[in-house]
Amino acid sequence: MISVLNLVIALLIGVVVWRLCLWFLRALAVPPHKPDPDMVVEAVQDYRCTLCGTELTVRVASVSKTAAPRHCREDMVAVWRPEGSG
């Protein structure tokens, strides 16, 4: 037989789980903020992953963050390309 105490505890756990799920879904539904146009500059730079060889071309970069992108959990290496070759 289910006691009243067990029923109350089950309802409380259910309410807590429901609230956590709603909080999580609301956090996922918020779109990321738009970057400030003054903090973004045009920059054409190619990068290559040293582990798998994946190449990436960055056309717009943030002024505040100058680190190389990461792939395969390692920093990518900047690749020099002559003008007009890509």
C-alpha atoms as a PDB file:
ATOM      1  CA  MET A   1       0.000   0.000   0.000  1.00  0.00           C
ATOM      2  CA  ILE A   2       1.245   3.500  -0.809  1.00  0.00           C
ATOM      3  CA  SER A   3       1.497   5.745   2.185  1.00  0.00           C
ATOM      4  CA  VAL A   4       0.744   9.450   2.092  1.00  0.00           C
ATOM      5  CA  LEU A   5       4.402  10.256   2.801  1.00  0.00           C
ATOM      6  CA  ASN A   6       5.570   8.188  -0.184  1.00  0.00           C
ATOM      7  CA  LEU A   7       3.005   9.918  -2.400  1.00  0.00           C
ATOM      8  CA  VAL A   8       4.121  13.393  -1.264  1.00  0.00           C
ATOM      9  CA  ILE A   9       7.792  12.527  -1.831  1.00  0.00           C
ATOM     10  CA  ALA A  10       7.032  11.147  -5.303  1.00  0.00           C
ATOM     11  CA  LEU A  11       5.078  14.290  -6.212  1.00  0.00           C
ATOM     12  CA  LEU A  12       7.900  16.539  -4.970  1.00  0.00           C
ATOM     13  CA  ILE A  13      10.459  14.624  -7.004  1.00  0.00           C
ATOM     14  CA  GLY A  14       8.178  14.856 -10.028  1.00  0.00           C
ATOM     15  CA  VAL A  15       7.790  18.622  -9.612  1.00  0.00           C
ATOM     16  CA  VAL A  16      11.553  19.097  -9.247  1.00  0.00           C
ATOM     17  CA  VAL A  17      12.263  17.022 -12.369  1.00  0.00           C
ATOM     18  CA  TRP A  18       9.558  18.901 -14.296  1.00  0.00           C
ATOM     19  CA  ARG A  19      11.007  22.281 -13.288  1.00  0.00           C
ATOM     20  CA  LEU A  20      14.553  21.224 -14.211  1.00  0.00           C
ATOM     21  CA  CYS A  21      13.372  20.035 -17.623  1.00  0.00           C
ATOM     22  CA  LEU A  22      11.545  23.297 -18.275  1.00  0.00           C
ATOM     23  CA  TRP A  23      14.583  25.315 -17.192  1.00  0.00           C
ATOM     24  CA  PHE A  24      16.844  23.279 -19.478  1.00  0.00           C
ATOM     25  CA  LEU A  25      14.519  23.623 -22.482  1.00  0.00           C
ATOM     26  CA  ARG A  26      14.165  27.367 -21.939  1.00  0.00           C
ATOM     27  CA  ALA A  27      17.958  27.699 -21.792  1.00  0.00           C
ATOM     28  CA  LEU A  28      18.231  25.878 -25.115  1.00  0.00           C
ATOM     29  CA  ALA A  29      15.529  28.028 -26.710  1.00  0.00           C
ATOM     30  CA  VAL A  30      17.386  31.310 -26.141  1.00  0.00           C
ATOM     31  CA  PRO A  31      19.232  32.246 -29.353  1.00  0.00           C
ATOM     32  CA  PRO A  32      22.889  33.251 -29.057  1.00  0.00           C
ATOM     33  CA  HIS A  33      23.541  36.974 -28.933  1.00  0.00           C
ATOM     34  CA  LYS A  34      24.489  38.811 -32.109  1.00  0.00           C
ATOM     35  CA  PRO A  35      28.138  39.872 -32.281  1.00  0.00           C
ATOM     36  CA  ASP A  36      28.894  43.564 -32.041  1.00  0.00           C
ATOM     37  CA  PRO A  37      29.841  44.794 -35.551  1.00  0.00           C
ATOM     38  CA  ASP A  38      32.644  46.880 -34.047  1.00  0.00           C
ATOM     39  CA  MET A  39      34.221  43.745 -32.553  1.00  0.00           C
ATOM     40  CA  VAL A  40      34.363  41.842 -35.873  1.00  0.00           C
ATOM     41  CA  VAL A  41      36.875  42.457 -38.673  1.00  0.00           C
ATOM     42  CA  GLU A  42      37.350  40.907 -42.077  1.00  0.00           C
ATOM     43  CA  ALA A  43      40.326  38.550 -42.056  1.00  0.00           C
ATOM     44  CA  VAL A  44      41.065  35.805 -44.559  1.00  0.00           C
ATOM     45  CA  GLN A  45      43.216  33.129 -42.920  1.00  0.00           C
ATOM     46  CA  ASP A  46      43.527  29.424 -43.660  1.00  0.00           C
ATOM     47  CA  TYR A  47      44.086  26.847 -40.928  1.00  0.00           C
ATOM     48  CA  ARG A  48      44.909  23.124 -41.048  1.00  0.00           C
ATOM     49  CA  CYS A  49      44.443  20.452 -38.391  1.00  0.00           C
ATOM     50  CA  THR A  50      47.752  18.683 -37.796  1.00  0.00           C
ATOM     51  CA  LEU A  51      46.031  15.427 -36.802  1.00  0.00           C
ATOM     52  CA  CYS A  52      43.434  14.805 -39.502  1.00  0.00           C
ATOM     53  CA  GLY A  53      44.247  17.382 -42.202  1.00  0.00           C
ATOM     54  CA  THR A  54      40.939  19.237 -42.101  1.00  0.00           C
ATOM     55  CA  GLU A  55      41.303  22.729 -43.552  1.00  0.00           C
ATOM     56  CA  LEU A  56      39.331  25.810 -42.561  1.00  0.00           C
ATOM     57  CA  THR A  57      39.193  29.314 -44.007  1.00  0.00           C
ATOM     58  CA  VAL A  58      38.305  32.091 -41.564  1.00  0.00           C
ATOM     59  CA  ARG A  59      36.821  35.092 -43.368  1.00  0.00           C
ATOM     60  CA  VAL A  60      35.597  37.104 -40.379  1.00  0.00           C
ATOM     61  CA  ALA A  61      37.348  37.172 -37.008  1.00  0.00           C
ATOM     62  CA  SER A  62      36.717  38.654 -33.600  1.00  0.00           C
ATOM     63  CA  VAL A  63      38.935  41.514 -32.504  1.00  0.00           C
ATOM     64  CA  SER A  64      39.082  40.290 -28.909  1.00  0.00           C
ATOM     65  CA  LYS A  65      39.832  36.607 -29.609  1.00  0.00           C
ATOM     66  CA  THR A  66      42.961  35.993 -31.649  1.00  0.00           C
ATOM     67  CA  ALA A  67      43.599  32.297 -30.845  1.00  0.00           C
ATOM     68  CA  ALA A  68      43.598  29.712 -33.606  1.00  0.00           C
ATOM     69  CA  PRO A  69      40.502  27.536 -33.916  1.00  0.00           C
ATOM     70  CA  ARG A  70      40.589  24.022 -32.444  1.00  0.00           C
ATOM     71  CA  HIS A  71      39.922  20.704 -34.143  1.00  0.00           C
ATOM     72  CA  CYS A  72      40.561  17.183 -32.844  1.00  0.00           C
ATOM     73  CA  ARG A  73      41.132  18.889 -29.459  1.00  0.00           C
ATOM     74  CA  GLU A  74      44.290  20.564 -30.785  1.00  0.00           C
ATOM     75  CA  ASP A  75      44.982  24.084 -32.026  1.00  0.00           C
ATOM     76  CA  MET A  76      44.950  24.331 -35.802  1.00  0.00           C
ATOM     77  CA  VAL A  77      48.052  25.606 -37.590  1.00  0.00           C
ATOM     78  CA  ALA A  78      47.909  28.717 -39.773  1.00  0.00           C
ATOM     79  CA  VAL A  79      48.624  27.969 -43.443  1.00  0.00           C
ATOM     80  CA  TRP A  80      50.152  30.546 -45.750  1.00  0.00           C
ATOM     81  CA  ARG A  81      48.676  30.728 -49.237  1.00  0.00           C
ATOM     82  CA  PRO A  82      49.923  33.050 -51.974  1.00  0.00           C
ATOM     83  CA  GLU A  83      47.531  35.814 -53.084  1.00  0.00           C
ATOM     84  CA  GLY A  84      44.888  34.637 -55.545  1.00  0.00           C
ATOM     85  CA  SER A  85      45.497  30.902 -55.044  1.00  0.00           C
ATOM     86  CA  GLY A  86      42.332  29.977 -53.360  1.00  0.00           C
END
